[in-house]
Amino acid sequence: MTKPIENYFHLRLEELKKALEANNFEVYIAEDAAAAKKIVLEELLPKAGPKRISFGGSMTVVESGLYHELKEKSEYEIIDTYDHTMPPQEGMERRRQSLTADFFITGTNAVTETGMLVNLDMIGNRTGGLTFGPKNAVVLVGQNKIVPDLDDAMFRIKNFAAPINAMRLKKKTPCTKTGFCEECKSPDRICNNWAITEKSFPKGRIKIILIQQNMGF
């Protein structure tokens, strides 16, 4: 076998797809970020026919190129929550507005082999949009986000994804110094709101694109 790593993740993603579909998620597999973007632009958006599109914070979405491409499309109203040049008050208002969009695009901190999405937020707009509000939620998931179970998901988030994001956002939290969660009481703490999505309700509202590539944190 010439590409054992690619074959390994292909098998993992196929099994994960079955587990997620059993939990009422609509699931797609993309061989890379470009293919994931194509699925959204050419399949999911035409099918949903949204007028307003919004985003939950996700490096995976940015890395896929989807955010920048959608910003250039005049046929959609884009609620841009990724613009860091706006004043904080406006940024918060846009995050509130994003919960009323027709089409919400985000990532996930972890996905379990049993077919659950696990996320931890600072404000809660990303977990909120995933849970309720937007008519359609699309989640882009890199192969590096797969974990065996809920305990592993929480450990991964607290001791890998959260410290890295705190560093990226220049937060003054202990984990930026140690690399591990310290269960801090810092005003800059980004670990405030857990969301464990066991099933999609209604069935198919949450669409998941599993990407056979490492994406995000």
Protein backbone atom coordinates (compact mmCIF):
# COMPACT_ATOMS: atom_id res chain seq x y z
CA MET A 1 0.00 0.00 0.00
CA THR A 2 1.56 3.29 -1.11
CA LYS A 3 -0.47 5.71 1.05
CA PRO A 4 -1.18 4.00 4.38
CA ILE A 5 -1.84 7.23 6.32
CA GLU A 6 -4.40 8.44 3.77
CA ASN A 7 -6.04 5.00 3.74
CA TYR A 8 -6.14 4.93 7.55
CA PHE A 9 -7.99 8.24 7.78
CA HIS A 10 -10.28 7.30 4.91
CA LEU A 11 -11.42 4.28 6.92
CA ARG A 12 -11.76 6.35 10.11
CA LEU A 13 -13.87 8.99 8.39
CA GLU A 14 -16.14 6.42 6.76
CA GLU A 15 -16.86 4.85 10.16
CA LEU A 16 -17.37 8.26 11.75
CA LYS A 17 -19.80 9.22 8.98
CA LYS A 18 -21.95 6.21 9.86
CA ALA A 19 -21.96 7.13 13.56
CA LEU A 20 -22.89 10.75 12.84
CA GLU A 21 -25.64 9.79 10.41
CA ALA A 22 -27.10 7.48 13.06
CA ASN A 23 -27.38 10.63 15.20
CA ASN A 24 -29.37 12.45 12.51
CA PHE A 25 -26.54 14.61 11.14
CA GLU A 26 -26.23 15.06 7.38
CA VAL A 27 -22.64 14.06 6.61
CA TYR A 28 -20.21 14.54 3.73
CA ILE A 29 -16.57 13.50 3.33
CA ALA A 30 -14.10 15.79 1.56
CA GLU A 31 -10.61 14.74 0.54
CA ASP A 32 -9.20 18.18 1.40
CA ALA A 33 -10.15 21.77 2.26
CA ALA A 34 -10.78 22.70 -1.37
CA ALA A 35 -13.25 19.83 -1.74
CA ALA A 36 -15.00 20.88 1.48
CA LYS A 37 -15.41 24.41 0.17
CA LYS A 38 -16.82 23.04 -3.08
CA ILE A 39 -19.42 20.98 -1.20
CA VAL A 40 -20.65 24.10 0.60
CA LEU A 41 -20.68 26.34 -2.47
CA GLU A 42 -22.03 23.90 -5.04
CA GLU A 43 -24.26 21.57 -3.00
CA LEU A 44 -25.34 22.91 0.37
CA LEU A 45 -25.90 26.58 -0.45
CA PRO A 46 -27.96 25.97 -3.63
CA LYS A 47 -30.03 23.37 -1.78
CA ALA A 48 -30.73 25.65 1.22
CA GLY A 49 -31.19 28.87 -0.77
CA PRO A 50 -30.26 31.18 2.14
CA LYS A 51 -30.40 34.96 2.12
CA ARG A 52 -28.30 35.61 5.24
CA ILE A 53 -25.07 33.77 6.05
CA SER A 54 -23.13 34.01 9.29
CA PHE A 55 -20.16 32.39 10.96
CA GLY A 56 -19.08 31.00 14.31
CA GLY A 57 -15.41 31.45 15.16
CA SER A 58 -13.40 28.79 13.34
CA MET A 59 -9.86 28.66 12.01
CA THR A 60 -10.95 25.70 9.88
CA VAL A 61 -13.51 27.84 8.04
CA VAL A 62 -10.90 30.55 7.42
CA GLU A 63 -8.25 28.05 6.31
CA SER A 64 -10.70 26.48 3.84
CA GLY A 65 -11.01 29.81 2.00
CA LEU A 66 -14.79 29.65 2.36
CA TYR A 67 -15.10 32.83 4.42
CA HIS A 68 -13.15 35.00 1.98
CA GLU A 69 -14.95 33.60 -1.06
CA LEU A 70 -18.42 34.12 0.42
CA LYS A 71 -17.58 37.72 1.30
CA GLU A 72 -17.21 38.41 -2.42
CA LYS A 73 -20.61 36.97 -3.37
CA SER A 74 -23.18 39.75 -3.74
CA GLU A 75 -26.19 37.41 -3.73
CA TYR A 76 -25.87 36.82 0.01
CA GLU A 77 -26.10 39.10 3.02
CA ILE A 78 -23.00 38.24 5.05
CA ILE A 79 -23.01 38.89 8.78
CA ASP A 80 -19.26 39.25 9.19
CA THR A 81 -18.25 38.24 12.70
CA TYR A 82 -14.61 37.75 11.66
CA ASP A 83 -13.86 41.45 11.13
CA HIS A 84 -11.56 42.30 14.05
CA THR A 85 -11.31 45.98 13.08
CA MET A 86 -14.84 46.80 14.27
CA PRO A 87 -15.50 48.24 17.76
CA PRO A 88 -16.31 45.63 20.46
CA GLN A 89 -19.94 46.74 20.74
CA GLU A 90 -20.52 46.24 17.04
CA GLY A 91 -18.78 42.89 17.13
CA MET A 92 -21.10 41.71 19.90
CA GLU A 93 -24.16 42.94 18.01
CA ARG A 94 -23.11 41.08 14.88
CA ARG A 95 -22.72 37.92 16.92
CA ARG A 96 -26.29 38.35 18.15
CA GLN A 97 -27.51 38.91 14.59
CA SER A 98 -25.66 35.79 13.43
CA LEU A 99 -28.11 33.66 15.42
CA THR A 100 -30.93 34.77 13.09
CA ALA A 101 -29.15 33.78 9.86
CA ASP A 102 -30.47 31.20 7.42
CA PHE A 103 -27.08 29.53 7.09
CA PHE A 104 -24.47 29.30 9.87
CA ILE A 105 -20.95 28.03 9.15
CA THR A 106 -18.52 27.01 11.86
CA GLY A 107 -16.07 24.35 13.05
CA THR A 108 -15.94 22.09 16.09
CA ASN A 109 -13.39 21.59 18.84
CA ALA A 110 -13.81 17.83 18.78
CA VAL A 111 -15.95 15.04 17.34
CA THR A 112 -16.24 11.68 19.07
CA GLU A 113 -16.15 8.30 17.36
CA THR A 114 -19.66 7.75 18.74
CA GLY A 115 -20.90 10.71 16.67
CA MET A 116 -21.09 13.68 19.03
CA LEU A 117 -19.83 17.25 18.54
CA VAL A 118 -18.11 18.81 21.56
CA ASN A 119 -17.41 22.53 21.86
CA LEU A 120 -16.28 25.08 24.42
CA ASP A 121 -16.81 28.82 23.92
CA MET A 122 -15.92 32.11 25.53
CA ILE A 123 -19.05 34.07 24.57
CA GLY A 124 -21.35 31.31 23.38
CA ASN A 125 -22.29 32.64 19.96
CA ARG A 126 -20.68 29.66 18.19
CA THR A 127 -22.29 27.06 20.44
CA GLY A 128 -25.53 29.04 20.33
CA GLY A 129 -25.69 29.07 16.54
CA LEU A 130 -24.92 25.38 16.42
CA THR A 131 -27.64 24.54 18.94
CA PHE A 132 -30.53 26.80 17.87
CA GLY A 133 -31.41 29.77 15.69
CA PRO A 134 -30.03 29.47 12.17
CA LYS A 135 -32.12 27.24 9.89
CA ASN A 136 -29.02 25.40 8.67
CA ALA A 137 -25.74 24.85 10.48
CA VAL A 138 -22.67 23.59 8.60
CA VAL A 139 -19.69 22.27 10.53
CA LEU A 140 -16.28 21.79 8.89
CA VAL A 141 -14.24 19.15 10.72
CA GLY A 142 -10.58 18.28 10.15
CA GLN A 143 -9.42 14.70 10.73
CA ASN A 144 -7.32 15.93 13.67
CA LYS A 145 -10.50 16.65 15.67
CA ILE A 146 -11.49 12.98 16.00
CA VAL A 147 -11.35 11.57 19.54
CA PRO A 148 -12.60 8.28 21.03
CA ASP A 149 -15.14 9.61 23.54
CA LEU A 150 -16.45 12.55 25.56
CA ASP A 151 -13.67 12.45 28.18
CA ASP A 152 -11.02 12.59 25.46
CA ALA A 153 -12.90 15.41 23.75
CA MET A 154 -12.93 17.52 26.90
CA PHE A 155 -9.28 16.81 27.62
CA ARG A 156 -8.32 17.72 24.06
CA ILE A 157 -10.24 20.99 24.23
CA LYS A 158 -9.04 22.10 27.67
CA ASN A 159 -5.39 21.11 27.22
CA PHE A 160 -4.78 21.69 23.52
CA ALA A 161 -7.35 23.73 21.62
CA ALA A 162 -8.10 26.24 24.40
CA PRO A 163 -4.47 27.11 25.29
CA ILE A 164 -3.58 27.53 21.62
CA ASN A 165 -6.59 29.74 21.00
CA ALA A 166 -5.80 31.79 24.10
CA MET A 167 -2.27 32.29 22.75
CA ARG A 168 -3.60 33.20 19.30
CA LEU A 169 -5.98 35.76 20.79
CA LYS A 170 -3.30 37.15 23.11
CA LYS A 171 -5.34 36.41 26.22
CA LYS A 172 -3.83 36.87 29.68
CA THR A 173 -4.56 33.42 31.04
CA PRO A 174 -2.31 30.93 32.87
CA CYS A 175 -2.61 28.36 30.07
CA THR A 176 -0.71 30.65 27.70
CA LYS A 177 2.29 30.19 30.01
CA THR A 178 1.91 26.50 30.90
CA GLY A 179 0.13 25.03 27.85
CA PHE A 180 -2.41 23.32 30.13
CA CYS A 181 -5.76 24.31 31.60
CA GLU A 182 -5.38 25.76 35.09
CA GLU A 183 -9.16 26.22 35.71
CA CYS A 184 -8.37 29.93 35.96
CA LYS A 185 -10.52 32.84 37.11
CA SER A 186 -8.90 35.27 34.68
CA PRO A 187 -11.16 37.95 33.12
CA ASP A 188 -9.68 36.79 29.80
CA ARG A 189 -10.79 33.18 30.31
CA ILE A 190 -12.16 31.73 27.06
CA CYS A 191 -13.53 28.48 28.57
CA ASN A 192 -17.06 29.42 29.64
CA ASN A 193 -19.77 27.60 27.68
CA TRP A 194 -19.85 23.88 26.91
CA ALA A 195 -22.06 22.42 24.19
CA ILE A 196 -22.35 18.67 23.63
CA THR A 197 -24.41 17.95 20.53
CA GLU A 198 -25.48 14.33 20.64
CA LYS A 199 -27.98 14.51 17.78
CA SER A 200 -29.15 16.94 15.13
CA PHE A 201 -32.67 18.23 15.63
CA PRO A 202 -34.48 18.51 13.36
CA LYS A 203 -32.86 15.67 11.45
CA GLY A 204 -30.36 17.04 8.93
CA ARG A 205 -30.37 20.62 10.26
CA ILE A 206 -26.70 20.24 11.15
CA LYS A 207 -24.58 19.28 8.16
CA ILE A 208 -21.06 18.00 8.84
CA ILE A 209 -18.21 17.94 6.34
CA LEU A 210 -15.44 15.59 7.45
CA ILE A 211 -12.18 16.71 5.86
CA GLN A 212 -9.38 14.21 5.27
CA GLN A 213 -6.80 16.79 6.27
CA ASN A 214 -5.63 18.41 9.51
CA MET A 215 -7.53 21.68 9.93
CA GLY A 216 -7.66 24.24 12.73
CA PHE A 217 -6.66 23.54 16.31
